[in-house]
């Protein structure tokens, strides 16, 4: 039987490079998706869009996975958006967390889905599928994003309509946010598509890029490396296929030490 350690027993077992933070909020969207928030250590700094290793102590041993931080760098708490993997070493336990439970978090964030890894442009596309929306939930709540780009487009593709709710709620809340509501007004747009359920826009985001439906619906020109910038986060297949499409259209992949027209993230949970 797996036993998740809590309280003082856990604190005594922690190495110096790990924080132990308490869960402050949990919301389940479907039988596959949920989000949760934890307290933020006073010394923890990160750039919006980065990921960090989080975990639980199970049977006396820590289990960690890489999770994108869904909250912006200015938030007083830290938010994560997670899939529930049946039998997943971490998520089978993580999906059962409640307010007050302790989450382990390593102290060093990292990642390439950050504004610094892109050269200046006019339009920012954030291509996401499933929980790949998480880093973009951070980026669209960061004032820097609206200072750098005139048009901020978040695409979120899921299998079922119910899986879109996290992103839809987030974008709706941003419009009323006292810090970034006015900055996002007229700039932030959400483009949803679904692959299984009936929905006004159906299809994989790669198909919608290829057939031009994405640009037609948004009322913008096709991808242009002179003005368009991209970020990609989702399944390995989606990342590979979208990366190819952007490169075919003249965009070059960048990194923290070599900013360019688009970036990808390869951190996954399980």
C-alpha atoms as a PDB file:
ATOM      1  CA  UNK A   1       0.000   0.000   0.000  1.00  0.00           C
ATOM      2  CA  UNK A   2       1.347   3.453  -0.903  1.00  0.00           C
ATOM      3  CA  UNK A   3       1.551   5.894   1.942  1.00  0.00           C
ATOM      4  CA  UNK A   4       1.941   9.630   1.281  1.00  0.00           C
ATOM      5  CA  UNK A   5       4.007  11.281   4.023  1.00  0.00           C
ATOM      6  CA  UNK A   6       2.691  14.473   5.559  1.00  0.00           C
ATOM      7  CA  UNK A   7       3.503  17.011   8.248  1.00  0.00           C
ATOM      8  CA  UNK A   8       6.579  16.933  10.470  1.00  0.00           C
ATOM      9  CA  UNK A   9       7.701  13.516   9.240  1.00  0.00           C
ATOM     10  CA  UNK A  10       7.967  14.938   5.736  1.00  0.00           C
ATOM     11  CA  UNK A  11       9.724  18.141   6.758  1.00  0.00           C
ATOM     12  CA  UNK A  12      12.491  16.194   8.496  1.00  0.00           C
ATOM     13  CA  UNK A  13      13.125  14.097   5.374  1.00  0.00           C
ATOM     14  CA  UNK A  14      13.595  17.019   2.956  1.00  0.00           C
ATOM     15  CA  UNK A  15      16.938  17.839   1.301  1.00  0.00           C
ATOM     16  CA  UNK A  16      18.108  21.465   1.188  1.00  0.00           C
ATOM     17  CA  UNK A  17      17.102  22.029  -2.449  1.00  0.00           C
ATOM     18  CA  UNK A  18      13.411  21.261  -1.912  1.00  0.00           C
ATOM     19  CA  UNK A  19      10.536  23.390  -0.644  1.00  0.00           C
ATOM     20  CA  UNK A  20       7.547  21.856   1.166  1.00  0.00           C
ATOM     21  CA  UNK A  21       4.437  23.928   0.384  1.00  0.00           C
ATOM     22  CA  UNK A  22       0.788  23.560   1.345  1.00  0.00           C
ATOM     23  CA  UNK A  23      -2.116  23.116  -1.068  1.00  0.00           C
ATOM     24  CA  UNK A  24      -4.447  26.130  -0.903  1.00  0.00           C
ATOM     25  CA  UNK A  25      -6.985  25.254  -3.614  1.00  0.00           C
ATOM     26  CA  UNK A  26      -8.024  22.264  -5.740  1.00  0.00           C
ATOM     27  CA  UNK A  27     -10.472  22.254  -8.662  1.00  0.00           C
ATOM     28  CA  UNK A  28     -11.371  19.199 -10.740  1.00  0.00           C
ATOM     29  CA  UNK A  29     -12.599  19.897 -14.270  1.00  0.00           C
ATOM     30  CA  UNK A  30     -13.108  16.394 -15.651  1.00  0.00           C
ATOM     31  CA  UNK A  31     -12.110  12.851 -14.731  1.00  0.00           C
ATOM     32  CA  UNK A  32      -8.822  13.603 -16.520  1.00  0.00           C
ATOM     33  CA  UNK A  33      -7.990  17.219 -15.599  1.00  0.00           C
ATOM     34  CA  UNK A  34      -7.584  19.286 -12.451  1.00  0.00           C
ATOM     35  CA  UNK A  35      -5.753  22.352 -11.198  1.00  0.00           C
ATOM     36  CA  UNK A  36      -4.329  23.191  -7.804  1.00  0.00           C
ATOM     37  CA  UNK A  37      -2.571  26.061  -6.061  1.00  0.00           C
ATOM     38  CA  UNK A  38       0.103  25.966  -3.382  1.00  0.00           C
ATOM     39  CA  UNK A  39       1.760  28.496  -1.110  1.00  0.00           C
ATOM     40  CA  UNK A  40       4.735  30.306  -2.619  1.00  0.00           C
ATOM     41  CA  UNK A  41       8.068  30.407  -0.783  1.00  0.00           C
ATOM     42  CA  UNK A  42       9.228  33.992  -0.222  1.00  0.00           C
ATOM     43  CA  UNK A  43      12.576  33.222  -1.865  1.00  0.00           C
ATOM     44  CA  UNK A  44      11.179  31.475  -4.968  1.00  0.00           C
ATOM     45  CA  UNK A  45      11.696  33.395  -8.224  1.00  0.00           C
ATOM     46  CA  UNK A  46      10.794  32.316 -11.748  1.00  0.00           C
ATOM     47  CA  UNK A  47      10.028  33.721 -15.182  1.00  0.00           C
ATOM     48  CA  UNK A  48       6.477  33.361 -16.477  1.00  0.00           C
ATOM     49  CA  UNK A  49       6.345  30.223 -18.653  1.00  0.00           C
ATOM     50  CA  UNK A  50       9.010  28.219 -16.819  1.00  0.00           C
ATOM     51  CA  UNK A  51       8.535  24.766 -15.292  1.00  0.00           C
ATOM     52  CA  UNK A  52       9.676  23.224 -12.026  1.00  0.00           C
ATOM     53  CA  UNK A  53       9.942  19.745 -10.535  1.00  0.00           C
ATOM     54  CA  UNK A  54       7.124  19.006  -8.094  1.00  0.00           C
ATOM     55  CA  UNK A  55       6.258  15.829  -6.252  1.00  0.00           C
ATOM     56  CA  UNK A  56       5.085  13.878  -3.266  1.00  0.00           C
ATOM     57  CA  UNK A  57       6.796  11.630  -0.776  1.00  0.00           C
ATOM     58  CA  UNK A  58       5.347   8.153  -1.363  1.00  0.00           C
ATOM     59  CA  UNK A  59       6.404   5.120   0.691  1.00  0.00           C
ATOM     60  CA  UNK A  60       9.228   7.204   2.137  1.00  0.00           C
ATOM     61  CA  UNK A  61      10.629   8.144  -1.286  1.00  0.00           C
ATOM     62  CA  UNK A  62      10.126  11.362  -3.266  1.00  0.00           C
ATOM     63  CA  UNK A  63       8.497  11.101  -6.700  1.00  0.00           C
ATOM     64  CA  UNK A  64       8.973  14.151  -8.952  1.00  0.00           C
ATOM     65  CA  UNK A  65       7.752  15.209 -12.380  1.00  0.00           C
ATOM     66  CA  UNK A  66       8.242  18.393 -14.395  1.00  0.00           C
ATOM     67  CA  UNK A  67       5.243  20.724 -14.262  1.00  0.00           C
ATOM     68  CA  UNK A  68       4.838  24.080 -15.969  1.00  0.00           C
ATOM     69  CA  UNK A  69       3.951  26.847 -13.540  1.00  0.00           C
ATOM     70  CA  UNK A  70       0.517  28.118 -14.596  1.00  0.00           C
ATOM     71  CA  UNK A  71       0.565  31.253 -12.444  1.00  0.00           C
ATOM     72  CA  UNK A  72       2.465  34.410 -13.493  1.00  0.00           C
ATOM     73  CA  UNK A  73       5.728  35.477 -11.886  1.00  0.00           C
ATOM     74  CA  UNK A  74       3.995  38.144  -9.785  1.00  0.00           C
ATOM     75  CA  UNK A  75       1.391  35.812  -8.195  1.00  0.00           C
ATOM     76  CA  UNK A  76       1.495  35.280  -4.441  1.00  0.00           C
ATOM     77  CA  UNK A  77       0.699  31.575  -4.914  1.00  0.00           C
ATOM     78  CA  UNK A  78       1.779  28.949  -7.443  1.00  0.00           C
ATOM     79  CA  UNK A  79      -0.719  27.225  -9.705  1.00  0.00           C
ATOM     80  CA  UNK A  80      -0.462  23.968 -11.668  1.00  0.00           C
ATOM     81  CA  UNK A  81      -2.776  22.345 -14.223  1.00  0.00           C
ATOM     82  CA  UNK A  82      -2.507  18.569 -14.315  1.00  0.00           C
ATOM     83  CA  UNK A  83      -3.699  15.502 -16.129  1.00  0.00           C
ATOM     84  CA  UNK A  84      -4.754  12.418 -14.167  1.00  0.00           C
ATOM     85  CA  UNK A  85      -2.819   9.412 -15.450  1.00  0.00           C
ATOM     86  CA  UNK A  86      -4.264   6.043 -14.362  1.00  0.00           C
ATOM     87  CA  UNK A  87      -1.415   4.303 -12.567  1.00  0.00           C
ATOM     88  CA  UNK A  88       0.911   7.275 -13.124  1.00  0.00           C
ATOM     89  CA  UNK A  89       3.733   7.157 -10.556  1.00  0.00           C
ATOM     90  CA  UNK A  90       2.943  10.699  -9.402  1.00  0.00           C
ATOM     91  CA  UNK A  91      -0.473  11.692 -10.729  1.00  0.00           C
ATOM     92  CA  UNK A  92      -2.289   8.672  -9.275  1.00  0.00           C
ATOM     93  CA  UNK A  93      -1.494  10.241  -5.881  1.00  0.00           C
ATOM     94  CA  UNK A  94      -1.493  13.900  -6.891  1.00  0.00           C
ATOM     95  CA  UNK A  95      -5.084  13.795  -8.120  1.00  0.00           C
ATOM     96  CA  UNK A  96      -6.199  12.936  -4.576  1.00  0.00           C
ATOM     97  CA  UNK A  97      -4.624  15.946  -2.858  1.00  0.00           C
ATOM     98  CA  UNK A  98      -6.735  18.168  -0.631  1.00  0.00           C
ATOM     99  CA  UNK A  99      -6.356  21.634   0.848  1.00  0.00           C
ATOM    100  CA  UNK A 100      -3.655  21.565   3.519  1.00  0.00           C
ATOM    101  CA  UNK A 101      -1.684  18.685   2.016  1.00  0.00           C
ATOM    102  CA  UNK A 102       2.037  19.194   1.374  1.00  0.00           C
ATOM    103  CA  UNK A 103       3.582  19.349  -2.119  1.00  0.00           C
ATOM    104  CA  UNK A 104       7.336  19.062  -2.686  1.00  0.00           C
ATOM    105  CA  UNK A 105       8.879  21.580  -5.073  1.00  0.00           C
ATOM    106  CA  UNK A 106      12.499  21.806  -6.138  1.00  0.00           C
ATOM    107  CA  UNK A 107      14.030  25.244  -5.891  1.00  0.00           C
ATOM    108  CA  UNK A 108      15.305  25.701  -9.457  1.00  0.00           C
ATOM    109  CA  UNK A 109      12.795  26.587 -12.220  1.00  0.00           C
ATOM    110  CA  UNK A 110      13.807  26.418 -15.884  1.00  0.00           C
ATOM    111  CA  UNK A 111      12.342  26.315 -19.384  1.00  0.00           C
ATOM    112  CA  UNK A 112      12.308  27.888 -22.834  1.00  0.00           C
ATOM    113  CA  UNK A 113       8.689  29.075 -23.045  1.00  0.00           C
ATOM    114  CA  UNK A 114       9.611  32.560 -21.890  1.00  0.00           C
ATOM    115  CA  UNK A 115       9.381  35.970 -23.529  1.00  0.00           C
ATOM    116  CA  UNK A 116      13.157  36.357 -23.333  1.00  0.00           C
ATOM    117  CA  UNK A 117      13.657  33.468 -25.778  1.00  0.00           C
ATOM    118  CA  UNK A 118      11.765  35.273 -28.559  1.00  0.00           C
ATOM    119  CA  UNK A 119      12.985  38.171 -30.670  1.00  0.00           C
ATOM    120  CA  UNK A 120      10.630  41.171 -30.910  1.00  0.00           C
ATOM    121  CA  UNK A 121       7.569  40.763 -33.112  1.00  0.00           C
ATOM    122  CA  UNK A 122       3.992  41.913 -33.632  1.00  0.00           C
ATOM    123  CA  UNK A 123       1.928  38.797 -33.002  1.00  0.00           C
ATOM    124  CA  UNK A 124       2.467  36.023 -30.447  1.00  0.00           C
ATOM    125  CA  UNK A 125       0.919  32.592 -31.034  1.00  0.00           C
ATOM    126  CA  UNK A 126       0.802  30.132 -28.146  1.00  0.00           C
ATOM    127  CA  UNK A 127      -0.063  26.710 -29.589  1.00  0.00           C
ATOM    128  CA  UNK A 128      -1.275  24.284 -26.927  1.00  0.00           C
ATOM    129  CA  UNK A 129      -3.068  20.968 -26.536  1.00  0.00           C
ATOM    130  CA  UNK A 130      -4.459  19.521 -23.290  1.00  0.00           C
ATOM    131  CA  UNK A 131      -2.449  20.506 -20.223  1.00  0.00           C
ATOM    132  CA  UNK A 132       0.087  22.132 -22.548  1.00  0.00           C
ATOM    133  CA  UNK A 133      -1.887  25.309 -21.903  1.00  0.00           C
ATOM    134  CA  UNK A 134      -0.305  25.586 -18.431  1.00  0.00           C
ATOM    135  CA  UNK A 135       2.783  27.694 -19.267  1.00  0.00           C
ATOM    136  CA  UNK A 136       0.618  29.964 -21.392  1.00  0.00           C
ATOM    137  CA  UNK A 137      -1.735  30.460 -18.454  1.00  0.00           C
ATOM    138  CA  UNK A 138       1.310  32.085 -16.864  1.00  0.00           C
ATOM    139  CA  UNK A 139       2.394  34.075 -19.908  1.00  0.00           C
ATOM    140  CA  UNK A 140      -1.012  35.605 -20.688  1.00  0.00           C
ATOM    141  CA  UNK A 141      -1.140  36.917 -17.100  1.00  0.00           C
ATOM    142  CA  UNK A 142       2.244  38.638 -17.377  1.00  0.00           C
ATOM    143  CA  UNK A 143       2.246  42.384 -18.226  1.00  0.00           C
ATOM    144  CA  UNK A 144       5.492  41.944 -20.202  1.00  0.00           C
ATOM    145  CA  UNK A 145       3.625  39.886 -22.807  1.00  0.00           C
ATOM    146  CA  UNK A 146       1.355  42.806 -23.668  1.00  0.00           C
ATOM    147  CA  UNK A 147       4.245  45.257 -23.652  1.00  0.00           C
ATOM    148  CA  UNK A 148       6.081  43.141 -26.240  1.00  0.00           C
ATOM    149  CA  UNK A 149       3.225  42.111 -28.553  1.00  0.00           C
ATOM    150  CA  UNK A 150       0.265  43.835 -30.219  1.00  0.00           C
ATOM    151  CA  UNK A 151      -1.695  40.622 -30.746  1.00  0.00           C
ATOM    152  CA  UNK A 152      -1.619  37.706 -28.259  1.00  0.00           C
ATOM    153  CA  UNK A 153      -3.291  34.543 -29.555  1.00  0.00           C
ATOM    154  CA  UNK A 154      -3.731  31.462 -27.378  1.00  0.00           C
ATOM    155  CA  UNK A 155      -4.808  28.327 -29.243  1.00  0.00           C
ATOM    156  CA  UNK A 156      -6.058  25.421 -27.140  1.00  0.00           C
ATOM    157  CA  UNK A 157      -7.060  22.137 -28.735  1.00  0.00           C
ATOM    158  CA  UNK A 158      -8.559  19.259 -26.739  1.00  0.00           C
ATOM    159  CA  UNK A 159     -10.372  16.023 -27.432  1.00  0.00           C
ATOM    160  CA  UNK A 160     -13.577  17.032 -25.647  1.00  0.00           C
ATOM    161  CA  UNK A 161     -15.384  20.334 -25.125  1.00  0.00           C
ATOM    162  CA  UNK A 162     -15.289  19.934 -21.319  1.00  0.00           C
ATOM    163  CA  UNK A 163     -11.486  19.977 -21.420  1.00  0.00           C
ATOM    164  CA  UNK A 164     -11.476  23.550 -22.739  1.00  0.00           C
ATOM    165  CA  UNK A 165     -12.962  25.034 -19.575  1.00  0.00           C
ATOM    166  CA  UNK A 166      -9.708  25.825 -17.750  1.00  0.00           C
ATOM    167  CA  UNK A 167      -8.527  28.083 -20.559  1.00  0.00           C
ATOM    168  CA  UNK A 168     -11.938  29.619 -21.160  1.00  0.00           C
ATOM    169  CA  UNK A 169     -12.360  30.507 -17.482  1.00  0.00           C
ATOM    170  CA  UNK A 170      -8.850  31.935 -17.359  1.00  0.00           C
ATOM    171  CA  UNK A 171      -9.281  34.256 -20.339  1.00  0.00           C
ATOM    172  CA  UNK A 172     -12.635  35.455 -18.990  1.00  0.00           C
ATOM    173  CA  UNK A 173     -11.064  36.230 -15.601  1.00  0.00           C
ATOM    174  CA  UNK A 174      -8.163  38.127 -17.150  1.00  0.00           C
ATOM    175  CA  UNK A 175     -10.528  40.707 -18.627  1.00  0.00           C
ATOM    176  CA  UNK A 176     -11.565  41.693 -15.089  1.00  0.00           C
ATOM    177  CA  UNK A 177      -8.076  41.486 -13.593  1.00  0.00           C
ATOM    178  CA  UNK A 178      -7.038  44.813 -12.011  1.00  0.00           C
ATOM    179  CA  UNK A 179      -3.373  44.352 -12.978  1.00  0.00           C
ATOM    180  CA  UNK A 180      -3.572  43.203 -16.601  1.00  0.00           C
ATOM    181  CA  UNK A 181      -7.228  43.540 -17.632  1.00  0.00           C
ATOM    182  CA  UNK A 182      -6.720  46.812 -19.469  1.00  0.00           C
ATOM    183  CA  UNK A 183      -3.429  45.672 -21.014  1.00  0.00           C
ATOM    184  CA  UNK A 184      -5.027  42.500 -22.382  1.00  0.00           C
ATOM    185  CA  UNK A 185      -8.103  44.326 -23.702  1.00  0.00           C
ATOM    186  CA  UNK A 186      -8.173  44.117 -27.495  1.00  0.00           C
ATOM    187  CA  UNK A 187      -4.962  42.062 -27.579  1.00  0.00           C
ATOM    188  CA  UNK A 188      -5.682  38.661 -25.997  1.00  0.00           C
ATOM    189  CA  UNK A 189      -7.646  36.167 -28.068  1.00  0.00           C
ATOM    190  CA  UNK A 190      -8.517  32.527 -27.392  1.00  0.00           C
ATOM    191  CA  UNK A 191      -8.894  30.091 -30.294  1.00  0.00           C
ATOM    192  CA  UNK A 192     -10.440  26.739 -29.339  1.00  0.00           C
ATOM    193  CA  UNK A 193     -10.781  23.572 -31.392  1.00  0.00           C
ATOM    194  CA  UNK A 194     -11.899  20.065 -30.503  1.00  0.00           C
ATOM    195  CA  UNK A 195     -11.004  16.745 -32.135  1.00  0.00           C
ATOM    196  CA  UNK A 196     -13.770  14.433 -30.869  1.00  0.00           C
ATOM    197  CA  UNK A 197     -16.918  16.273 -29.736  1.00  0.00           C
ATOM    198  CA  UNK A 198     -19.182  18.397 -31.905  1.00  0.00           C
ATOM    199  CA  UNK A 199     -17.861  21.959 -31.824  1.00  0.00           C
ATOM    200  CA  UNK A 200     -17.916  24.980 -34.154  1.00  0.00           C
ATOM    201  CA  UNK A 201     -14.235  24.415 -34.971  1.00  0.00           C
ATOM    202  CA  UNK A 202     -13.053  20.813 -35.210  1.00  0.00           C
ATOM    203  CA  UNK A 203      -9.608  19.464 -35.942  1.00  0.00           C
ATOM    204  CA  UNK A 204      -6.002  19.285 -34.817  1.00  0.00           C
ATOM    205  CA  UNK A 205      -4.258  22.634 -34.644  1.00  0.00           C
ATOM    206  CA  UNK A 206      -1.714  21.433 -37.215  1.00  0.00           C
ATOM    207  CA  UNK A 207      -4.510  20.763 -39.724  1.00  0.00           C
ATOM    208  CA  UNK A 208      -6.030  24.177 -39.014  1.00  0.00           C
ATOM    209  CA  UNK A 209      -2.664  25.837 -39.668  1.00  0.00           C
ATOM    210  CA  UNK A 210      -2.151  23.879 -42.885  1.00  0.00           C
ATOM    211  CA  UNK A 211      -5.612  24.481 -44.345  1.00  0.00           C
ATOM    212  CA  UNK A 212      -5.634  28.130 -43.270  1.00  0.00           C
ATOM    213  CA  UNK A 213      -8.736  27.804 -41.077  1.00  0.00           C
ATOM    214  CA  UNK A 214      -6.880  29.224 -38.057  1.00  0.00           C
ATOM    215  CA  UNK A 215      -5.959  32.449 -39.825  1.00  0.00           C
ATOM    216  CA  UNK A 216      -9.338  32.733 -41.535  1.00  0.00           C
ATOM    217  CA  UNK A 217     -11.181  32.512 -38.206  1.00  0.00           C
ATOM    218  CA  UNK A 218      -8.834  35.009 -36.549  1.00  0.00           C
ATOM    219  CA  UNK A 219      -8.873  37.397 -39.483  1.00  0.00           C
ATOM    220  CA  UNK A 220      -5.081  37.562 -39.716  1.00  0.00           C
ATOM    221  CA  UNK A 221      -2.557  36.803 -42.498  1.00  0.00           C
ATOM    222  CA  UNK A 222      -0.744  33.422 -42.634  1.00  0.00           C
ATOM    223  CA  UNK A 223       2.398  32.975 -40.544  1.00  0.00           C
ATOM    224  CA  UNK A 224       5.137  35.445 -41.413  1.00  0.00           C
ATOM    225  CA  UNK A 225       8.598  35.226 -39.786  1.00  0.00           C
ATOM    226  CA  UNK A 226       8.935  39.000 -40.027  1.00  0.00           C
ATOM    227  CA  UNK A 227       6.126  39.660 -37.539  1.00  0.00           C
ATOM    228  CA  UNK A 228       4.887  36.372 -36.036  1.00  0.00           C
ATOM    229  CA  UNK A 229       6.322  34.600 -33.003  1.00  0.00           C
ATOM    230  CA  UNK A 230       5.321  31.219 -31.621  1.00  0.00           C
ATOM    231  CA  UNK A 231       5.423  29.032 -28.522  1.00  0.00           C
ATOM    232  CA  UNK A 232       4.471  25.351 -28.616  1.00  0.00           C
ATOM    233  CA  UNK A 233       3.481  23.045 -25.753  1.00  0.00           C
ATOM    234  CA  UNK A 234       1.567  19.775 -25.890  1.00  0.00           C
ATOM    235  CA  UNK A 235       2.154  16.129 -26.747  1.00  0.00           C
ATOM    236  CA  UNK A 236       5.448  15.096 -28.349  1.00  0.00           C
ATOM    237  CA  UNK A 237       3.650  14.433 -31.640  1.00  0.00           C
ATOM    238  CA  UNK A 238       1.926  17.817 -31.604  1.00  0.00           C
ATOM    239  CA  UNK A 239       5.182  19.620 -30.797  1.00  0.00           C
ATOM    240  CA  UNK A 240       7.028  17.835 -33.612  1.00  0.00           C
ATOM    241  CA  UNK A 241       4.335  18.473 -36.222  1.00  0.00           C
ATOM    242  CA  UNK A 242       3.748  22.121 -35.267  1.00  0.00           C
ATOM    243  CA  UNK A 243       7.495  22.791 -35.185  1.00  0.00           C
ATOM    244  CA  UNK A 244       7.804  21.454 -38.742  1.00  0.00           C
ATOM    245  CA  UNK A 245       4.944  23.678 -39.934  1.00  0.00           C
ATOM    246  CA  UNK A 246       6.521  26.791 -38.418  1.00  0.00           C
ATOM    247  CA  UNK A 247       9.926  25.971 -39.888  1.00  0.00           C
ATOM    248  CA  UNK A 248       8.366  25.390 -43.314  1.00  0.00           C
ATOM    249  CA  UNK A 249       6.989  28.923 -43.052  1.00  0.00           C
ATOM    250  CA  UNK A 250      10.408  30.404 -42.336  1.00  0.00           C
ATOM    251  CA  UNK A 251      10.383  30.637 -38.538  1.00  0.00           C
ATOM    252  CA  UNK A 252      13.509  29.557 -36.651  1.00  0.00           C
ATOM    253  CA  UNK A 253      13.555  27.799 -33.267  1.00  0.00           C
ATOM    254  CA  UNK A 254      15.103  29.802 -30.455  1.00  0.00           C
ATOM    255  CA  UNK A 255      16.387  29.212 -26.930  1.00  0.00           C
ATOM    256  CA  UNK A 256      17.293  31.188 -23.824  1.00  0.00           C
ATOM    257  CA  UNK A 257      20.812  31.820 -25.122  1.00  0.00           C
ATOM    258  CA  UNK A 258      19.703  32.258 -28.743  1.00  0.00           C
ATOM    259  CA  UNK A 259      16.350  34.092 -29.114  1.00  0.00           C
ATOM    260  CA  UNK A 260      14.519  33.508 -32.402  1.00  0.00           C
ATOM    261  CA  UNK A 261      10.992  33.320 -33.883  1.00  0.00           C
ATOM    262  CA  UNK A 262       9.572  30.347 -31.933  1.00  0.00           C
ATOM    263  CA  UNK A 263      10.279  28.086 -28.956  1.00  0.00           C
ATOM    264  CA  UNK A 264       9.054  24.689 -27.740  1.00  0.00           C
ATOM    265  CA  UNK A 265       8.852  22.946 -24.369  1.00  0.00           C
ATOM    266  CA  UNK A 266       9.575  19.270 -23.800  1.00  0.00           C
ATOM    267  CA  UNK A 267       8.644  18.778 -20.149  1.00  0.00           C
ATOM    268  CA  UNK A 268       5.930  16.228 -19.436  1.00  0.00           C
ATOM    269  CA  UNK A 269       4.026  14.798 -16.480  1.00  0.00           C
ATOM    270  CA  UNK A 270       2.967  11.247 -15.694  1.00  0.00           C
END
